Amino acid sequence: MKSNLKRILCALPTPLLLLSLFSCGDRDYTYCEIGFEIPRGYREIDASGDFDLAFEDGGRVIGIRRMSFDAVEGEGLLATHSPYELAEIYRERLAVSNSSTVFTHGDIPYFVYTLSDGYSSYAYMPTFYKTRYAYFIITFICKNKIDEGGRVEFLDFCDTVYILPKYA
C-alpha cells in the first residue's frame, strides 16, 4: 500500500510540470479565416471600435481587423486587390506624411508610420492578408518608433499567420 501511495505522490507533479512548461509558450489562436500564434506575454484586450481583436504586452499592441469583401465595396475597394495593392491604397488614404514605402516580408506587405497626439508619439506597422472572403489588416503599435528589433519581433509574428485551409 505504501509503495502505491509513493508512486501516486511522485507521479502527481509530472502532469503539472508538463502543463506549466507548455502553457508558458506562444498560444495558438484562430479568428474567422486566419490562425496565428500570440507571443508569450501578450494578453487579449478590449479594443472594440479600433480592432476586431487585440492583444497587448504592456508596451506593444497587436490589433486585428477583418474587412469582408461585401463591406469594402462601399469604400471603393475591390475583392480583386492583392494584399500589396490594398497596402498601397491604405497607405495613400492615411495621407500621413511620414509613412514609409510599402515593403514585403515574404508575401506580406507592410509599411511603417508614426502619429503624435501632442504628448506622445506612436509607431504603427500594418500588415495585409487576403482570404477567399475578406481582407485582414494586422497592425502592430508601440510607443515612439519601431526599431529594428521591434520590426523583427513583429515580422516573426507575421510568420505565424496562416489562412485556415478551408478559406485559402
N, C-alpha and C. Protein backbone atom coordinates (compact mmCIF):
# COMPACT_ATOMS: atom_id res chain seq x y z
N MET A 1 0.82 -1.18 0.00
CA MET A 1 0.00 0.00 0.00
C MET A 1 0.87 1.26 0.00
N LYS A 2 1.94 1.25 0.81
CA LYS A 2 2.81 2.42 0.87
C LYS A 2 3.50 2.67 -0.46
N SER A 3 3.89 1.61 -1.19
CA SER A 3 4.57 1.81 -2.47
C SER A 3 3.61 2.41 -3.51
N ASN A 4 2.34 2.02 -3.48
CA ASN A 4 1.36 2.61 -4.39
C ASN A 4 1.16 4.09 -4.07
N LEU A 5 1.10 4.42 -2.80
CA LEU A 5 0.93 5.81 -2.39
C LEU A 5 2.13 6.65 -2.84
N LYS A 6 3.35 6.10 -2.67
CA LYS A 6 4.56 6.79 -3.11
C LYS A 6 4.53 7.03 -4.62
N ARG A 7 4.12 6.02 -5.36
CA ARG A 7 4.06 6.12 -6.81
C ARG A 7 3.07 7.21 -7.23
N ILE A 8 1.94 7.26 -6.59
CA ILE A 8 0.92 8.27 -6.91
C ILE A 8 1.43 9.66 -6.57
N LEU A 9 2.05 9.80 -5.39
CA LEU A 9 2.57 11.11 -4.99
C LEU A 9 3.71 11.57 -5.88
N CYS A 10 4.54 10.65 -6.33
CA CYS A 10 5.65 11.00 -7.22
C CYS A 10 5.14 11.35 -8.63
N ALA A 11 4.10 10.68 -9.06
CA ALA A 11 3.58 10.92 -10.41
C ALA A 11 2.75 12.19 -10.49
N LEU A 12 2.19 12.66 -9.39
CA LEU A 12 1.32 13.83 -9.38
C LEU A 12 1.99 15.10 -9.92
N PRO A 13 3.22 15.41 -9.55
CA PRO A 13 3.82 16.64 -10.08
C PRO A 13 4.15 16.60 -11.58
N THR A 14 4.30 15.42 -12.15
CA THR A 14 4.69 15.31 -13.55
C THR A 14 3.70 16.00 -14.50
N PRO A 15 2.38 15.70 -14.43
CA PRO A 15 1.46 16.40 -15.34
C PRO A 15 1.44 17.91 -15.09
N LEU A 16 1.56 18.32 -13.84
CA LEU A 16 1.56 19.75 -13.53
C LEU A 16 2.79 20.43 -14.11
N LEU A 17 3.93 19.76 -14.03
CA LEU A 17 5.16 20.30 -14.59
C LEU A 17 5.05 20.41 -16.11
N LEU A 18 4.55 19.36 -16.76
CA LEU A 18 4.38 19.40 -18.21
C LEU A 18 3.41 20.50 -18.62
N LEU A 19 2.32 20.66 -17.90
CA LEU A 19 1.35 21.70 -18.19
C LEU A 19 1.99 23.07 -18.07
N SER A 20 2.78 23.28 -17.04
CA SER A 20 3.40 24.59 -16.85
C SER A 20 4.45 24.87 -17.92
N LEU A 21 5.14 23.85 -18.39
CA LEU A 21 6.13 24.05 -19.45
C LEU A 21 5.48 24.47 -20.75
N PHE A 22 4.37 23.84 -21.09
CA PHE A 22 3.73 24.14 -22.37
C PHE A 22 2.83 25.36 -22.30
N SER A 23 2.35 25.74 -21.16
CA SER A 23 1.46 26.89 -21.08
C SER A 23 2.21 28.22 -21.10
N CYS A 24 3.51 28.21 -20.96
CA CYS A 24 4.28 29.45 -20.95
C CYS A 24 4.67 29.92 -22.35
N GLY A 25 4.52 29.07 -23.35
CA GLY A 25 4.94 29.44 -24.69
C GLY A 25 3.87 30.20 -25.44
N ASP A 26 4.10 30.34 -26.75
CA ASP A 26 3.14 31.02 -27.60
C ASP A 26 1.83 30.24 -27.60
N ARG A 27 0.75 30.97 -27.83
CA ARG A 27 -0.57 30.34 -27.84
C ARG A 27 -1.18 30.44 -29.22
N ASP A 28 -1.77 29.37 -29.68
CA ASP A 28 -2.44 29.35 -30.98
C ASP A 28 -3.82 29.98 -30.87
N TYR A 29 -4.14 30.82 -31.83
CA TYR A 29 -5.45 31.45 -31.91
C TYR A 29 -5.98 31.29 -33.33
N THR A 30 -7.28 31.28 -33.47
CA THR A 30 -7.91 31.43 -34.77
C THR A 30 -8.91 32.55 -34.65
N TYR A 31 -9.04 33.28 -35.73
CA TYR A 31 -10.04 34.34 -35.80
C TYR A 31 -10.60 34.35 -37.21
N CYS A 32 -11.86 34.02 -37.32
CA CYS A 32 -12.53 33.90 -38.62
C CYS A 32 -11.74 32.97 -39.53
N GLU A 33 -11.11 33.51 -40.57
CA GLU A 33 -10.44 32.66 -41.55
C GLU A 33 -8.94 32.51 -41.35
N ILE A 34 -8.38 33.10 -40.29
CA ILE A 34 -6.92 33.02 -40.10
C ILE A 34 -6.57 32.40 -38.76
N GLY A 35 -5.36 31.92 -38.68
CA GLY A 35 -4.79 31.41 -37.45
C GLY A 35 -3.44 32.08 -37.23
N PHE A 36 -2.98 32.09 -35.98
CA PHE A 36 -1.71 32.74 -35.65
C PHE A 36 -1.31 32.33 -34.24
N GLU A 37 -0.08 32.63 -33.88
CA GLU A 37 0.43 32.39 -32.53
C GLU A 37 0.67 33.72 -31.84
N ILE A 38 0.09 33.88 -30.67
CA ILE A 38 0.31 35.10 -29.88
C ILE A 38 1.56 34.87 -29.03
N PRO A 39 2.53 35.77 -29.12
CA PRO A 39 3.76 35.58 -28.34
C PRO A 39 3.53 35.61 -26.83
N ARG A 40 4.40 34.98 -26.12
CA ARG A 40 4.38 34.96 -24.66
C ARG A 40 4.35 36.39 -24.13
N GLY A 41 3.56 36.64 -23.13
CA GLY A 41 3.49 37.95 -22.51
C GLY A 41 2.35 38.81 -23.01
N TYR A 42 1.75 38.46 -24.13
CA TYR A 42 0.61 39.23 -24.65
C TYR A 42 -0.68 38.68 -24.07
N ARG A 43 -1.62 39.58 -23.81
CA ARG A 43 -2.95 39.16 -23.33
C ARG A 43 -4.00 39.87 -24.16
N GLU A 44 -5.13 39.22 -24.29
CA GLU A 44 -6.22 39.80 -25.07
C GLU A 44 -6.80 41.01 -24.34
N ILE A 45 -7.11 42.06 -25.09
CA ILE A 45 -7.70 43.28 -24.52
C ILE A 45 -8.93 43.66 -25.34
N ASP A 46 -9.74 44.52 -24.76
CA ASP A 46 -10.90 45.04 -25.46
C ASP A 46 -10.47 46.28 -26.24
N ALA A 47 -10.54 46.20 -27.54
CA ALA A 47 -10.18 47.34 -28.38
C ALA A 47 -11.30 47.59 -29.39
N SER A 48 -12.53 47.31 -28.97
CA SER A 48 -13.66 47.48 -29.88
C SER A 48 -13.69 48.90 -30.41
N GLY A 49 -14.04 49.02 -31.65
CA GLY A 49 -14.01 50.31 -32.31
C GLY A 49 -12.75 50.49 -33.11
N ASP A 50 -11.62 50.04 -32.58
CA ASP A 50 -10.36 50.14 -33.30
C ASP A 50 -10.03 48.83 -34.03
N PHE A 51 -10.23 47.72 -33.34
CA PHE A 51 -9.90 46.41 -33.90
C PHE A 51 -10.99 45.41 -33.54
N ASP A 52 -11.05 44.34 -34.32
CA ASP A 52 -11.97 43.25 -34.00
C ASP A 52 -11.42 42.41 -32.85
N LEU A 53 -10.11 42.31 -32.79
CA LEU A 53 -9.42 41.51 -31.78
C LEU A 53 -8.08 42.18 -31.53
N ALA A 54 -7.68 42.28 -30.26
CA ALA A 54 -6.41 42.94 -29.95
C ALA A 54 -5.73 42.28 -28.76
N PHE A 55 -4.40 42.40 -28.74
CA PHE A 55 -3.57 41.85 -27.68
C PHE A 55 -2.53 42.90 -27.30
N GLU A 56 -2.11 42.89 -26.04
CA GLU A 56 -1.05 43.82 -25.61
C GLU A 56 -0.15 43.14 -24.60
N ASP A 57 1.07 43.67 -24.52
CA ASP A 57 2.03 43.12 -23.57
C ASP A 57 2.53 44.18 -22.58
N GLY A 58 1.81 45.28 -22.48
CA GLY A 58 2.22 46.34 -21.57
C GLY A 58 2.83 47.52 -22.30
N GLY A 59 3.42 47.29 -23.46
CA GLY A 59 4.03 48.37 -24.21
C GLY A 59 3.73 48.33 -25.70
N ARG A 60 3.31 47.16 -26.17
CA ARG A 60 3.01 46.98 -27.59
C ARG A 60 1.62 46.39 -27.76
N VAL A 61 1.01 46.70 -28.89
CA VAL A 61 -0.33 46.21 -29.19
C VAL A 61 -0.31 45.52 -30.54
N ILE A 62 -1.03 44.42 -30.65
CA ILE A 62 -1.28 43.74 -31.92
C ILE A 62 -2.78 43.81 -32.13
N GLY A 63 -3.21 44.52 -33.18
CA GLY A 63 -4.62 44.67 -33.47
C GLY A 63 -4.98 44.00 -34.78
N ILE A 64 -6.10 43.30 -34.78
CA ILE A 64 -6.53 42.56 -35.97
C ILE A 64 -7.90 43.08 -36.41
N ARG A 65 -7.99 43.39 -37.69
CA ARG A 65 -9.24 43.89 -38.25
C ARG A 65 -9.57 43.08 -39.50
N ARG A 66 -10.79 42.58 -39.57
CA ARG A 66 -11.27 41.83 -40.74
C ARG A 66 -12.20 42.74 -41.52
N MET A 67 -12.00 42.78 -42.84
CA MET A 67 -12.86 43.58 -43.71
C MET A 67 -13.40 42.66 -44.81
N SER A 68 -14.69 42.30 -44.70
CA SER A 68 -15.27 41.41 -45.70
C SER A 68 -15.34 42.13 -47.03
N PHE A 69 -15.31 41.38 -48.10
CA PHE A 69 -15.37 41.99 -49.43
C PHE A 69 -16.67 42.77 -49.62
N ASP A 70 -17.77 42.27 -49.07
CA ASP A 70 -19.04 42.99 -49.17
C ASP A 70 -18.94 44.35 -48.49
N ALA A 71 -18.28 44.41 -47.35
CA ALA A 71 -18.18 45.66 -46.58
C ALA A 71 -17.26 46.68 -47.26
N VAL A 72 -16.23 46.24 -47.95
CA VAL A 72 -15.27 47.19 -48.52
C VAL A 72 -15.70 47.75 -49.87
N GLU A 73 -16.70 47.13 -50.49
CA GLU A 73 -17.17 47.65 -51.77
C GLU A 73 -17.65 49.09 -51.63
N GLY A 74 -18.30 49.41 -50.52
CA GLY A 74 -18.78 50.76 -50.29
C GLY A 74 -17.65 51.77 -50.10
N GLU A 75 -16.45 51.28 -49.82
CA GLU A 75 -15.29 52.15 -49.63
C GLU A 75 -14.44 52.25 -50.90
N GLY A 76 -14.95 51.68 -51.99
CA GLY A 76 -14.21 51.75 -53.24
C GLY A 76 -13.12 50.73 -53.38
N LEU A 77 -13.09 49.73 -52.54
CA LEU A 77 -12.10 48.66 -52.64
C LEU A 77 -12.72 47.48 -53.37
N LEU A 78 -11.91 46.76 -54.08
CA LEU A 78 -12.38 45.61 -54.84
C LEU A 78 -11.88 44.32 -54.21
N ALA A 79 -12.64 43.27 -54.38
CA ALA A 79 -12.23 41.96 -53.88
C ALA A 79 -11.06 41.41 -54.67
N THR A 80 -10.75 42.04 -55.80
CA THR A 80 -9.66 41.56 -56.65
C THR A 80 -8.32 42.17 -56.31
N HIS A 81 -8.28 43.13 -55.38
CA HIS A 81 -7.00 43.72 -54.99
C HIS A 81 -6.13 42.67 -54.29
N SER A 82 -4.87 42.69 -54.60
CA SER A 82 -3.93 41.82 -53.89
C SER A 82 -3.64 42.47 -52.54
N PRO A 83 -3.06 41.74 -51.58
CA PRO A 83 -2.67 42.37 -50.32
C PRO A 83 -1.73 43.56 -50.53
N TYR A 84 -0.83 43.46 -51.51
CA TYR A 84 0.09 44.56 -51.79
C TYR A 84 -0.68 45.79 -52.28
N GLU A 85 -1.63 45.59 -53.19
CA GLU A 85 -2.44 46.70 -53.69
C GLU A 85 -3.25 47.32 -52.56
N LEU A 86 -3.79 46.48 -51.68
CA LEU A 86 -4.53 47.00 -50.53
C LEU A 86 -3.62 47.84 -49.64
N ALA A 87 -2.40 47.39 -49.43
CA ALA A 87 -1.44 48.15 -48.61
C ALA A 87 -1.17 49.51 -49.23
N GLU A 88 -0.98 49.57 -50.55
CA GLU A 88 -0.74 50.83 -51.23
C GLU A 88 -1.94 51.78 -51.08
N ILE A 89 -3.14 51.25 -51.27
CA ILE A 89 -4.35 52.07 -51.14
C ILE A 89 -4.51 52.56 -49.71
N TYR A 90 -4.31 51.68 -48.75
CA TYR A 90 -4.43 52.02 -47.33
C TYR A 90 -3.44 53.13 -46.97
N ARG A 91 -2.21 52.99 -47.43
CA ARG A 91 -1.16 53.98 -47.15
C ARG A 91 -1.53 55.33 -47.76
N GLU A 92 -2.00 55.33 -48.98
CA GLU A 92 -2.41 56.58 -49.65
C GLU A 92 -3.57 57.24 -48.92
N ARG A 93 -4.54 56.45 -48.48
CA ARG A 93 -5.72 57.01 -47.81
C ARG A 93 -5.40 57.54 -46.42
N LEU A 94 -4.37 57.01 -45.79
CA LEU A 94 -3.96 57.53 -44.49
C LEU A 94 -3.44 58.97 -44.62
N ALA A 95 -2.80 59.23 -45.73
CA ALA A 95 -2.24 60.55 -46.01
C ALA A 95 -1.36 61.05 -44.87
N VAL A 96 -0.51 60.16 -44.38
CA VAL A 96 0.43 60.51 -43.32
C VAL A 96 1.76 60.83 -43.99
N SER A 97 2.29 61.99 -43.69
CA SER A 97 3.50 62.44 -44.38
C SER A 97 4.74 61.61 -44.07
N ASN A 98 4.76 60.95 -42.93
CA ASN A 98 5.97 60.22 -42.55
C ASN A 98 5.86 58.71 -42.75
N SER A 99 4.95 58.25 -43.60
CA SER A 99 4.85 56.81 -43.81
C SER A 99 5.93 56.34 -44.77
N SER A 100 6.41 55.15 -44.54
CA SER A 100 7.43 54.56 -45.40
C SER A 100 6.77 54.07 -46.68
N THR A 101 7.56 53.61 -47.60
CA THR A 101 7.01 52.92 -48.76
C THR A 101 6.52 51.56 -48.29
N VAL A 102 5.81 50.87 -49.15
CA VAL A 102 5.33 49.53 -48.81
C VAL A 102 6.47 48.55 -49.06
N PHE A 103 6.80 47.78 -48.03
CA PHE A 103 7.81 46.73 -48.11
C PHE A 103 7.10 45.38 -48.11
N THR A 104 7.83 44.33 -48.39
CA THR A 104 7.27 42.99 -48.24
C THR A 104 8.21 42.14 -47.40
N HIS A 105 7.60 41.29 -46.61
CA HIS A 105 8.31 40.27 -45.84
C HIS A 105 7.73 38.96 -46.34
N GLY A 106 8.48 38.26 -47.18
CA GLY A 106 7.90 37.11 -47.88
C GLY A 106 6.83 37.65 -48.81
N ASP A 107 5.59 37.22 -48.60
CA ASP A 107 4.50 37.75 -49.41
C ASP A 107 3.58 38.67 -48.59
N ILE A 108 4.08 39.15 -47.47
CA ILE A 108 3.29 40.01 -46.58
C ILE A 108 3.71 41.47 -46.76
N PRO A 109 2.82 42.29 -47.33
CA PRO A 109 3.15 43.71 -47.45
C PRO A 109 2.94 44.44 -46.12
N TYR A 110 3.77 45.46 -45.89
CA TYR A 110 3.65 46.27 -44.69
C TYR A 110 4.32 47.61 -44.92
N PHE A 111 3.98 48.56 -44.08
CA PHE A 111 4.68 49.84 -44.06
C PHE A 111 4.67 50.35 -42.63
N VAL A 112 5.42 51.40 -42.37
CA VAL A 112 5.56 51.93 -41.02
C VAL A 112 5.26 53.42 -41.06
N TYR A 113 4.57 53.90 -40.03
CA TYR A 113 4.33 55.34 -39.89
C TYR A 113 4.18 55.67 -38.41
N THR A 114 4.28 56.95 -38.09
CA THR A 114 4.09 57.40 -36.70
C THR A 114 3.02 58.48 -36.67
N LEU A 115 2.34 58.54 -35.54
CA LEU A 115 1.34 59.58 -35.27
C LEU A 115 1.62 60.13 -33.88
N SER A 116 1.35 61.41 -33.71
CA SER A 116 1.55 62.05 -32.42
C SER A 116 0.26 62.73 -32.01
N ASP A 117 -0.05 62.66 -30.73
CA ASP A 117 -1.23 63.36 -30.22
C ASP A 117 -0.85 64.65 -29.49
N GLY A 118 0.37 65.08 -29.65
CA GLY A 118 0.86 66.28 -28.98
C GLY A 118 1.63 65.96 -27.71
N TYR A 119 1.33 64.83 -27.09
CA TYR A 119 2.02 64.43 -25.86
C TYR A 119 2.88 63.20 -26.08
N SER A 120 2.37 62.28 -26.86
CA SER A 120 3.07 61.02 -27.11
C SER A 120 3.09 60.73 -28.60
N SER A 121 4.08 59.96 -28.99
CA SER A 121 4.21 59.53 -30.37
C SER A 121 4.07 58.00 -30.41
N TYR A 122 3.34 57.51 -31.40
CA TYR A 122 3.14 56.07 -31.54
C TYR A 122 3.51 55.64 -32.95
N ALA A 123 4.15 54.50 -33.03
CA ALA A 123 4.55 53.93 -34.32
C ALA A 123 3.60 52.80 -34.67
N TYR A 124 3.25 52.71 -35.93
CA TYR A 124 2.31 51.71 -36.43
C TYR A 124 2.96 50.94 -37.58
N MET A 125 2.67 49.65 -37.62
CA MET A 125 3.13 48.82 -38.73
C MET A 125 1.98 47.90 -39.15
N PRO A 126 1.14 48.36 -40.09
CA PRO A 126 0.07 47.48 -40.57
C PRO A 126 0.60 46.46 -41.58
N THR A 127 0.07 45.25 -41.50
CA THR A 127 0.42 44.17 -42.44
C THR A 127 -0.88 43.70 -43.07
N PHE A 128 -0.82 43.13 -44.27
CA PHE A 128 -2.03 42.89 -45.06
C PHE A 128 -2.11 41.45 -45.56
N TYR A 129 -3.33 40.89 -45.45
CA TYR A 129 -3.59 39.50 -45.82
C TYR A 129 -4.92 39.42 -46.56
N LYS A 130 -5.09 38.37 -47.34
CA LYS A 130 -6.33 38.18 -48.08
C LYS A 130 -6.73 36.72 -48.03
N THR A 131 -8.01 36.49 -47.72
CA THR A 131 -8.56 35.14 -47.77
C THR A 131 -9.59 35.10 -48.90
N ARG A 132 -10.31 34.04 -48.99
CA ARG A 132 -11.32 33.90 -50.04
C ARG A 132 -12.47 34.89 -49.86
N TYR A 133 -12.72 35.35 -48.61
CA TYR A 133 -13.88 36.19 -48.33
C TYR A 133 -13.58 37.57 -47.77
N ALA A 134 -12.34 37.81 -47.39
CA ALA A 134 -12.07 39.07 -46.68
C ALA A 134 -10.59 39.45 -46.74
N TYR A 135 -10.37 40.72 -46.43
CA TYR A 135 -9.02 41.21 -46.17
C TYR A 135 -8.82 41.24 -44.66
N PHE A 136 -7.59 41.04 -44.22
CA PHE A 136 -7.23 41.19 -42.82
C PHE A 136 -6.08 42.19 -42.75
N ILE A 137 -6.19 43.10 -41.80
CA ILE A 137 -5.09 44.02 -41.53
C ILE A 137 -4.68 43.78 -40.09
N ILE A 138 -3.45 43.36 -39.90
CA ILE A 138 -2.90 43.16 -38.56
C ILE A 138 -1.92 44.30 -38.33
N THR A 139 -2.22 45.12 -37.32
CA THR A 139 -1.42 46.31 -37.05
C THR A 139 -0.67 46.15 -35.75
N PHE A 140 0.61 46.47 -35.80
CA PHE A 140 1.48 46.45 -34.63
C PHE A 140 1.70 47.89 -34.20
N ILE A 141 1.56 48.16 -32.91
CA ILE A 141 1.68 49.52 -32.40
C ILE A 141 2.61 49.53 -31.20
N CYS A 142 3.49 50.52 -31.16
CA CYS A 142 4.33 50.71 -29.98
C CYS A 142 4.61 52.20 -29.81
N LYS A 143 5.07 52.56 -28.65
CA LYS A 143 5.35 53.96 -28.36
C LYS A 143 6.63 54.41 -29.07
N ASN A 144 6.62 55.63 -29.53
CA ASN A 144 7.75 56.31 -30.17
C ASN A 144 8.08 55.81 -31.57
N LYS A 145 8.81 54.71 -31.67
CA LYS A 145 9.19 54.23 -33.00
C LYS A 145 9.36 52.72 -32.98
N ILE A 146 9.34 52.16 -34.17
CA ILE A 146 9.58 50.72 -34.30
C ILE A 146 11.03 50.58 -34.75
N ASP A 147 11.89 50.17 -33.82
CA ASP A 147 13.30 49.97 -34.15
C ASP A 147 13.47 48.62 -34.85
N GLU A 148 14.68 48.31 -35.23
CA GLU A 148 14.93 47.07 -35.96
C GLU A 148 14.52 45.84 -35.15
N GLY A 149 14.78 45.85 -33.84
CA GLY A 149 14.38 44.72 -33.00
C GLY A 149 12.87 44.55 -32.96
N GLY A 150 12.16 45.65 -32.86
CA GLY A 150 10.70 45.60 -32.86
C GLY A 150 10.16 45.11 -34.19
N ARG A 151 10.77 45.58 -35.26
CA ARG A 151 10.33 45.14 -36.60
C ARG A 151 10.53 43.64 -36.75
N VAL A 152 11.67 43.14 -36.30
CA VAL A 152 11.95 41.70 -36.38
C VAL A 152 10.93 40.92 -35.55
N GLU A 153 10.63 41.40 -34.34
CA GLU A 153 9.65 40.73 -33.48
C GLU A 153 8.28 40.69 -34.16
N PHE A 154 7.86 41.81 -34.74
CA PHE A 154 6.56 41.87 -35.40
C PHE A 154 6.53 40.99 -36.64
N LEU A 155 7.62 40.98 -37.40
CA LEU A 155 7.66 40.14 -38.59
C LEU A 155 7.72 38.65 -38.22
N ASP A 156 8.32 38.33 -37.07
CA ASP A 156 8.29 36.95 -36.58
C ASP A 156 6.84 36.53 -36.31
N PHE A 157 6.05 37.45 -35.74
CA PHE A 157 4.63 37.15 -35.53
C PHE A 157 3.97 36.91 -36.88
N CYS A 158 4.27 37.75 -37.87
CA CYS A 158 3.67 37.60 -39.21
C CYS A 158 3.95 36.21 -39.78
N ASP A 159 5.11 35.66 -39.47
CA ASP A 159 5.46 34.33 -39.97
C ASP A 159 4.56 33.25 -39.40
N THR A 160 3.86 33.52 -38.30
CA THR A 160 2.96 32.52 -37.72
C THR A 160 1.55 32.62 -38.26
N VAL A 161 1.23 33.69 -38.99
CA VAL A 161 -0.13 33.88 -39.51
C VAL A 161 -0.35 32.96 -40.70
N TYR A 162 -1.50 32.30 -40.71
CA TYR A 162 -1.83 31.42 -41.83
C TYR A 162 -3.33 31.47 -42.07
N ILE A 163 -3.69 31.20 -43.29
CA ILE A 163 -5.11 31.13 -43.65
C ILE A 163 -5.57 29.71 -43.38
N LEU A 164 -6.68 29.60 -42.69
CA LEU A 164 -7.21 28.26 -42.41
C LEU A 164 -7.49 27.55 -43.73
N PRO A 165 -7.15 26.28 -43.84
CA PRO A 165 -7.21 25.57 -45.12
C PRO A 165 -8.54 25.72 -45.88
N LYS A 166 -9.66 25.71 -45.20
CA LYS A 166 -10.93 25.79 -45.92
C LYS A 166 -11.22 27.17 -46.49
N TYR A 167 -10.38 28.18 -46.15
CA TYR A 167 -10.57 29.54 -46.67
C TYR A 167 -9.44 29.99 -47.59
N ALA A 168 -8.47 29.14 -47.83
CA ALA A 168 -7.32 29.50 -48.66
C ALA A 168 -7.70 29.64 -50.12
